[in-house]
Amino acid sequence: MSNTHRAFEILKILRIHSDEEHPLTFEDIRQRLLEKELDMNRKTFYADIARLREVGHHIHTARSNNFGYYIESEPFTFAQAKLLVDAIQSSRFISKDMSNELIDHIASLTSTYQAGQLKSRLYVDERSKTLNKSVYTTVDRLQNAITKNKKIRFRYYDTVLNRHDERDRRFKHDGAFYLVSPYMLVWGEDNYYCVGHHEQRDTISNFRIDRMDNVVIMPESRIPATTASKDPQFNLSKYAQNIFAMYRGYNSIITIQADMDLLSTFSDRFGTSGKYKRLNDQRFEITTNVEISPPFYAFIFQFGSKVTIISPSQVVNEFKEHVKKTLYLYEK
């Protein structure tokens, strides 16, 4: 029997059947080896453990009631795996079947016990999941197009109710193809977007990846983002940071005053891009660059009298009109 083969089998046993809460004794491991028609004594076992540690495997010794061994989760700790599973569960652009498949893959990289814990807490809410089951293929093609500096072609659809009042797909513009120069993929507001230059509209737009269909990589080179935006200083990272709910509007530097108890909320939304100023113990002011759009006004509107837009006057007036139109619906 090859020493390498036996050591590899020991490693597999530890990976699958052990973790910090479930260490395996020498006898536990020996019995599992016997099931594979392999055997060992304590001397060869200690030599194999030492060899595995030498090549970088984090095998730990547990000194409790029974002297045992366990391997640190590879490549994830349980907490890391749980975070990934939770992110997949909450992602709208991943279908229910794809979510379960991804979670199974992650669980397979943890111990049997940890995999059981991950799956026992599993709840995939299909009510908000996408209808598109080809997201893997779409993401792969988009990334290839970006890497190869190529344009893409695709059809884009909305969700509608069919005659049975069930959710269904309907292609926009009678199924006409969009021609786009893709620049980056962005995760925002629980969805995944492709940011690119929309050739028909001659503007930089954001496309929900789960609403893209039949993506084809074209032979033509894409238009550079600086050319498409007509701004030699255009920065994709700043663009993604400033936009609200991936809804394209117009860019503006704004000043907002808000109650101090909203500081954490504004800090989460605008990060370090804003310039903050304490007005008094109750209020603060922030000046920042924002993409002005309906989702931005909705963000401000939710805080009522706690938030005031100070400048510029154009944004103040637009927000007033937004509030008036909303109020009018309830006064009829």
Protein backbone atom coordinates (compact mmCIF):
# COMPACT_ATOMS: atom_id res chain seq x y z
CA MET A 1 0.00 0.00 0.00
CA SER A 2 1.37 3.43 -0.96
CA ASN A 3 2.02 5.76 1.97
CA THR A 4 0.78 8.63 -0.21
CA HIS A 5 -2.47 6.81 -0.97
CA ARG A 6 -3.11 6.08 2.72
CA ALA A 7 -2.35 9.69 3.72
CA PHE A 8 -4.73 10.94 1.02
CA GLU A 9 -7.52 8.69 2.35
CA ILE A 10 -6.90 9.96 5.89
CA LEU A 11 -7.18 13.53 4.59
CA LYS A 12 -10.49 12.72 2.86
CA ILE A 13 -11.87 11.16 6.05
CA LEU A 14 -10.91 14.20 8.12
CA ARG A 15 -12.35 16.62 5.56
CA ILE A 16 -15.69 14.86 5.33
CA HIS A 17 -16.25 13.56 8.84
CA SER A 18 -14.48 15.95 11.22
CA ASP A 19 -14.64 19.52 12.41
CA GLU A 20 -13.83 21.36 15.65
CA GLU A 21 -16.97 20.01 17.33
CA HIS A 22 -16.50 16.48 15.99
CA PRO A 23 -12.83 15.39 16.22
CA LEU A 24 -11.96 11.82 15.18
CA THR A 25 -9.84 9.49 17.29
CA PHE A 26 -7.15 7.22 15.88
CA GLU A 27 -9.59 4.31 16.13
CA ASP A 28 -12.36 6.28 14.35
CA ILE A 29 -10.06 6.95 11.41
CA ARG A 30 -8.71 3.38 11.39
CA GLN A 31 -12.23 1.92 11.21
CA ARG A 32 -13.08 4.14 8.23
CA LEU A 33 -9.85 3.07 6.52
CA LEU A 34 -10.75 -0.58 7.07
CA GLU A 35 -13.99 0.06 5.17
CA LYS A 36 -11.74 0.93 2.23
CA GLU A 37 -9.64 -2.22 2.86
CA LEU A 38 -6.76 -0.14 4.20
CA ASP A 39 -5.07 -0.45 7.59
CA MET A 40 -2.49 1.36 9.68
CA ASN A 41 -0.83 1.35 13.05
CA ARG A 42 -0.22 4.29 15.33
CA LYS A 43 3.33 4.80 14.04
CA THR A 44 2.28 5.06 10.39
CA PHE A 45 -0.73 7.19 11.37
CA TYR A 46 1.42 9.76 13.18
CA ALA A 47 3.81 9.82 10.21
CA ASP A 48 0.92 10.43 7.79
CA ILE A 49 -0.51 13.25 9.95
CA ALA A 50 2.95 14.88 10.11
CA ARG A 51 3.32 14.59 6.32
CA LEU A 52 -0.09 16.17 5.72
CA ARG A 53 0.75 19.05 8.05
CA GLU A 54 4.06 19.60 6.28
CA VAL A 55 2.31 20.18 2.95
CA GLY A 56 -0.04 22.78 4.44
CA HIS A 57 -3.16 20.98 5.69
CA HIS A 58 -4.40 22.46 8.98
CA ILE A 59 -4.96 19.32 11.01
CA HIS A 60 -5.61 20.14 14.66
CA THR A 61 -5.42 18.03 17.78
CA ALA A 62 -8.38 18.05 20.19
CA ARG A 63 -7.53 17.21 23.77
CA SER A 64 -10.88 16.56 25.41
CA ASN A 65 -12.16 13.28 26.86
CA ASN A 66 -10.86 11.42 23.82
CA PHE A 67 -7.66 12.46 22.05
CA GLY A 68 -8.83 13.30 18.51
CA TYR A 69 -8.05 15.06 15.26
CA TYR A 70 -9.97 17.42 13.01
CA ILE A 71 -9.20 19.49 9.96
CA GLU A 72 -9.93 23.18 9.72
CA SER A 73 -12.66 23.68 7.14
CA GLU A 74 -11.21 23.98 3.65
CA PRO A 75 -11.65 26.26 1.84
CA PHE A 76 -14.31 27.85 4.10
CA THR A 77 -14.91 28.18 7.80
CA PHE A 78 -18.51 27.50 8.82
CA ALA A 79 -19.13 31.23 9.29
CA GLN A 80 -17.81 31.97 5.78
CA ALA A 81 -19.95 29.21 4.27
CA LYS A 82 -23.03 30.51 6.13
CA LEU A 83 -22.46 34.03 4.81
CA LEU A 84 -22.24 32.71 1.24
CA VAL A 85 -25.38 30.61 1.68
CA ASP A 86 -27.31 33.58 3.10
CA ALA A 87 -26.18 35.78 0.18
CA ILE A 88 -27.35 33.17 -2.33
CA GLN A 89 -30.70 32.77 -0.57
CA SER A 90 -31.37 36.51 -0.70
CA SER A 91 -30.22 37.03 -4.30
CA ARG A 92 -33.18 37.74 -6.56
CA PHE A 93 -31.26 37.16 -9.79
CA ILE A 94 -30.50 33.51 -8.94
CA SER A 95 -33.38 31.10 -9.54
CA LYS A 96 -34.57 28.70 -6.82
CA ASP A 97 -33.04 25.66 -8.56
CA MET A 98 -29.73 27.47 -9.11
CA SER A 99 -29.74 28.61 -5.46
CA ASN A 100 -30.15 25.04 -4.22
CA GLU A 101 -27.43 23.82 -6.59
CA LEU A 102 -24.93 26.47 -5.44
CA ILE A 103 -25.72 25.82 -1.79
CA ASP A 104 -25.14 22.09 -2.33
CA HIS A 105 -21.71 22.88 -3.80
CA ILE A 106 -20.77 25.09 -0.84
CA ALA A 107 -22.04 22.51 1.66
CA SER A 108 -19.93 19.82 -0.04
CA LEU A 109 -16.80 21.85 0.81
CA THR A 110 -17.54 21.65 4.55
CA SER A 111 -17.71 18.70 6.93
CA THR A 112 -20.73 16.38 6.97
CA TYR A 113 -21.89 17.94 10.24
CA GLN A 114 -21.53 21.53 9.02
CA ALA A 115 -23.25 20.68 5.73
CA GLY A 116 -26.16 19.32 7.75
CA GLN A 117 -26.37 22.57 9.73
CA LEU A 118 -26.28 24.67 6.56
CA LYS A 119 -29.09 22.71 4.94
CA SER A 120 -31.22 22.41 8.08
CA ARG A 121 -31.44 26.21 8.19
CA LEU A 122 -32.08 26.47 4.47
CA TYR A 123 -34.99 28.60 3.27
CA VAL A 124 -35.10 29.77 -0.33
CA ASP A 125 -37.93 32.23 -0.90
CA GLU A 126 -38.98 31.61 -4.49
CA ARG A 127 -41.52 34.44 -4.47
CA SER A 128 -38.82 37.00 -5.29
CA LYS A 129 -36.61 34.72 -7.40
CA THR A 130 -36.00 35.27 -11.10
CA LEU A 131 -37.78 33.26 -13.79
CA ASN A 132 -34.56 33.15 -15.85
CA LYS A 133 -32.65 29.87 -15.42
CA SER A 134 -29.81 30.73 -17.83
CA VAL A 135 -28.07 33.32 -15.63
CA TYR A 136 -24.87 31.22 -15.41
CA THR A 137 -24.48 31.29 -19.19
CA THR A 138 -25.30 34.99 -19.38
CA VAL A 139 -22.76 35.97 -16.72
CA ASP A 140 -20.09 33.82 -18.39
CA ARG A 141 -20.66 35.42 -21.80
CA LEU A 142 -20.76 38.93 -20.37
CA GLN A 143 -17.47 38.41 -18.56
CA ASN A 144 -15.89 36.97 -21.71
CA ALA A 145 -17.06 39.96 -23.75
CA ILE A 146 -15.64 42.39 -21.19
CA THR A 147 -12.32 40.51 -21.10
CA LYS A 148 -12.11 40.36 -24.91
CA ASN A 149 -13.20 44.00 -25.29
CA LYS A 150 -16.17 43.07 -27.51
CA LYS A 151 -19.74 44.29 -27.97
CA ILE A 152 -22.72 42.09 -27.14
CA ARG A 153 -26.18 41.60 -28.56
CA PHE A 154 -29.22 40.43 -26.59
CA ARG A 155 -32.95 40.71 -26.10
CA TYR A 156 -34.38 42.27 -22.96
CA TYR A 157 -37.66 41.47 -21.24
CA ASP A 158 -40.07 42.65 -18.56
CA THR A 159 -42.15 40.54 -16.20
CA VAL A 160 -45.88 40.54 -17.01
CA LEU A 161 -48.99 38.67 -15.90
CA ASN A 162 -50.31 36.18 -18.45
CA ARG A 163 -53.98 35.27 -18.97
CA HIS A 164 -53.78 32.91 -15.97
CA ASP A 165 -52.48 35.75 -13.76
CA GLU A 166 -49.11 34.03 -13.52
CA ARG A 167 -45.75 35.78 -13.87
CA ASP A 168 -44.39 35.52 -17.39
CA ARG A 169 -41.82 37.14 -19.69
CA ARG A 170 -42.46 39.66 -22.46
CA PHE A 171 -39.65 40.95 -24.64
CA LYS A 172 -39.30 44.72 -24.91
CA HIS A 173 -39.50 46.48 -28.27
CA ASP A 174 -41.16 43.44 -29.87
CA GLY A 175 -38.09 41.31 -29.26
CA ALA A 176 -35.64 43.62 -31.05
CA PHE A 177 -31.98 43.04 -30.20
CA TYR A 178 -30.03 45.52 -28.09
CA LEU A 179 -26.44 46.29 -29.13
CA VAL A 180 -24.29 47.15 -26.11
CA SER A 181 -20.64 47.76 -25.22
CA PRO A 182 -20.36 46.06 -21.78
CA TYR A 183 -18.03 47.61 -19.18
CA MET A 184 -18.63 45.91 -15.85
CA LEU A 185 -20.96 43.72 -13.79
CA VAL A 186 -22.35 45.33 -10.65
CA TRP A 187 -24.33 43.94 -7.73
CA GLY A 188 -26.86 46.50 -6.49
CA GLU A 189 -30.17 46.44 -4.61
CA ASP A 190 -30.13 42.60 -4.45
CA ASN A 191 -29.80 42.32 -8.23
CA TYR A 192 -26.96 41.85 -10.71
CA TYR A 193 -26.48 44.40 -13.49
CA CYS A 194 -24.41 44.87 -16.63
CA VAL A 195 -23.30 48.47 -17.12
CA GLY A 196 -22.70 49.34 -20.76
CA HIS A 197 -23.20 51.72 -23.67
CA HIS A 198 -26.64 51.25 -25.25
CA GLU A 199 -25.92 51.86 -28.93
CA GLN A 200 -29.51 52.57 -29.99
CA ARG A 201 -29.97 55.20 -27.28
CA ASP A 202 -26.35 56.40 -27.33
CA THR A 203 -26.17 56.43 -23.53
CA ILE A 204 -24.63 54.42 -20.70
CA SER A 205 -27.36 52.20 -19.24
CA ASN A 206 -27.80 49.48 -16.63
CA PHE A 207 -29.32 46.13 -17.58
CA ARG A 208 -30.64 43.53 -15.16
CA ILE A 209 -28.67 40.38 -16.02
CA ASP A 210 -31.57 38.08 -15.18
CA ARG A 211 -33.69 39.96 -17.76
CA MET A 212 -31.17 39.52 -20.57
CA ASP A 213 -31.84 36.73 -23.06
CA ASN A 214 -29.81 35.12 -25.85
CA VAL A 215 -26.59 37.06 -25.18
CA VAL A 216 -24.20 36.85 -28.15
CA ILE A 217 -20.61 38.15 -28.22
CA MET A 218 -20.16 40.25 -31.37
CA PRO A 219 -16.96 40.54 -33.46
CA GLU A 220 -16.82 44.35 -33.15
CA SER A 221 -14.69 45.97 -30.46
CA ARG A 222 -16.67 47.82 -27.80
CA ILE A 223 -16.78 51.60 -27.54
CA PRO A 224 -14.55 52.87 -24.68
CA ALA A 225 -16.48 54.13 -21.64
CA THR A 226 -14.85 57.57 -21.85
CA THR A 227 -15.99 57.89 -25.48
CA ALA A 228 -19.50 56.60 -24.75
CA SER A 229 -19.97 58.95 -21.79
CA LYS A 230 -18.44 61.90 -23.69
CA ASP A 231 -16.39 62.49 -20.55
CA PRO A 232 -12.60 61.87 -20.66
CA GLN A 233 -12.61 61.70 -16.83
CA PHE A 234 -15.46 59.18 -16.65
CA ASN A 235 -14.87 56.66 -13.85
CA LEU A 236 -16.90 53.42 -13.77
CA SER A 237 -16.34 52.84 -10.05
CA LYS A 238 -17.63 56.30 -9.14
CA TYR A 239 -20.54 55.85 -11.53
CA ALA A 240 -21.61 52.64 -9.78
CA GLN A 241 -21.18 54.24 -6.35
CA ASN A 242 -23.30 57.32 -7.12
CA ILE A 243 -26.24 55.65 -8.83
CA PHE A 244 -29.45 54.83 -6.93
CA ALA A 245 -31.09 51.41 -7.43
CA MET A 246 -29.12 51.18 -10.72
CA TYR A 247 -31.59 53.74 -12.18
CA ARG A 248 -29.95 56.13 -14.63
CA GLY A 249 -30.72 59.83 -14.14
CA TYR A 250 -28.41 62.84 -14.22
CA ASN A 251 -25.40 63.59 -12.04
CA SER A 252 -25.44 66.42 -9.52
CA ILE A 253 -23.61 67.61 -6.42
CA ILE A 254 -26.24 68.01 -3.70
CA THR A 255 -26.38 69.26 -0.14
CA ILE A 256 -28.76 67.60 2.33
CA GLN A 257 -29.51 68.30 5.98
CA ALA A 258 -30.81 65.51 8.21
CA ASP A 259 -31.48 64.54 11.81
CA MET A 260 -28.47 63.13 13.62
CA ASP A 261 -30.13 59.74 14.18
CA LEU A 262 -29.91 59.18 10.40
CA LEU A 263 -26.14 59.60 10.26
CA SER A 264 -25.52 55.84 10.16
CA THR A 265 -28.07 55.42 7.37
CA PHE A 266 -26.49 58.15 5.25
CA SER A 267 -23.01 56.86 6.01
CA ASP A 268 -24.06 53.39 4.81
CA ARG A 269 -25.53 54.85 1.62
CA PHE A 270 -22.88 57.41 0.67
CA GLY A 271 -19.81 56.03 2.45
CA THR A 272 -16.68 58.16 2.39
CA SER A 273 -17.70 59.98 -0.81
CA GLY A 274 -19.69 62.60 1.09
CA LYS A 275 -18.44 65.62 3.03
CA TYR A 276 -20.12 65.67 6.44
CA LYS A 277 -20.65 68.66 8.73
CA ARG A 278 -22.22 68.85 12.19
CA LEU A 279 -24.77 71.68 12.35
CA ASN A 280 -25.71 71.13 16.01
CA ASP A 281 -26.42 68.19 18.33
CA GLN A 282 -29.62 67.38 16.42
CA ARG A 283 -28.71 67.92 12.75
CA PHE A 284 -25.89 67.29 10.29
CA GLU A 285 -25.22 68.23 6.68
CA ILE A 286 -23.78 66.18 3.84
CA THR A 287 -22.57 67.32 0.41
CA THR A 288 -22.07 64.54 -2.10
CA ASN A 289 -22.27 63.52 -5.75
CA VAL A 290 -25.48 61.66 -6.63
CA GLU A 291 -27.31 60.32 -9.68
CA ILE A 292 -30.64 62.19 -9.49
CA SER A 293 -33.49 59.80 -10.31
CA PRO A 294 -36.87 58.63 -8.95
CA PRO A 295 -35.18 56.08 -6.61
CA PHE A 296 -33.10 58.93 -5.11
CA TYR A 297 -36.26 60.93 -4.40
CA ALA A 298 -37.87 57.81 -2.93
CA PHE A 299 -34.85 57.42 -0.64
CA ILE A 300 -35.27 61.00 0.63
CA PHE A 301 -39.07 60.78 0.82
CA GLN A 302 -39.04 57.84 3.24
CA PHE A 303 -37.54 60.01 6.01
CA GLY A 304 -40.25 62.69 5.89
CA SER A 305 -39.46 65.82 7.87
CA LYS A 306 -36.18 64.37 9.12
CA VAL A 307 -34.42 65.23 5.83
CA THR A 308 -34.24 68.45 3.78
CA ILE A 309 -32.64 68.92 0.37
CA ILE A 310 -30.82 72.27 0.51
CA SER A 311 -29.30 72.56 -2.96
CA PRO A 312 -29.17 72.77 -5.92
CA SER A 313 -32.47 74.54 -6.55
CA GLN A 314 -33.26 72.32 -9.56
CA VAL A 315 -33.23 69.20 -7.37
CA VAL A 316 -35.24 70.96 -4.64
CA ASN A 317 -37.92 71.96 -7.16
CA GLU A 318 -38.01 68.51 -8.75
CA PHE A 319 -38.49 66.93 -5.32
CA LYS A 320 -41.35 69.36 -4.57
CA GLU A 321 -43.07 68.27 -7.79
CA HIS A 322 -42.47 64.63 -6.89
CA VAL A 323 -44.16 65.16 -3.50
CA LYS A 324 -47.06 67.13 -5.05
CA LYS A 325 -47.79 64.39 -7.59
CA THR A 326 -47.77 61.76 -4.86
CA LEU A 327 -50.04 63.84 -2.61
CA TYR A 328 -52.44 64.49 -5.50
CA LEU A 329 -53.15 60.75 -5.80
CA TYR A 330 -54.54 60.76 -2.26
CA GLU A 331 -56.52 64.00 -2.52
CA LYS A 332 -58.72 62.92 -5.43
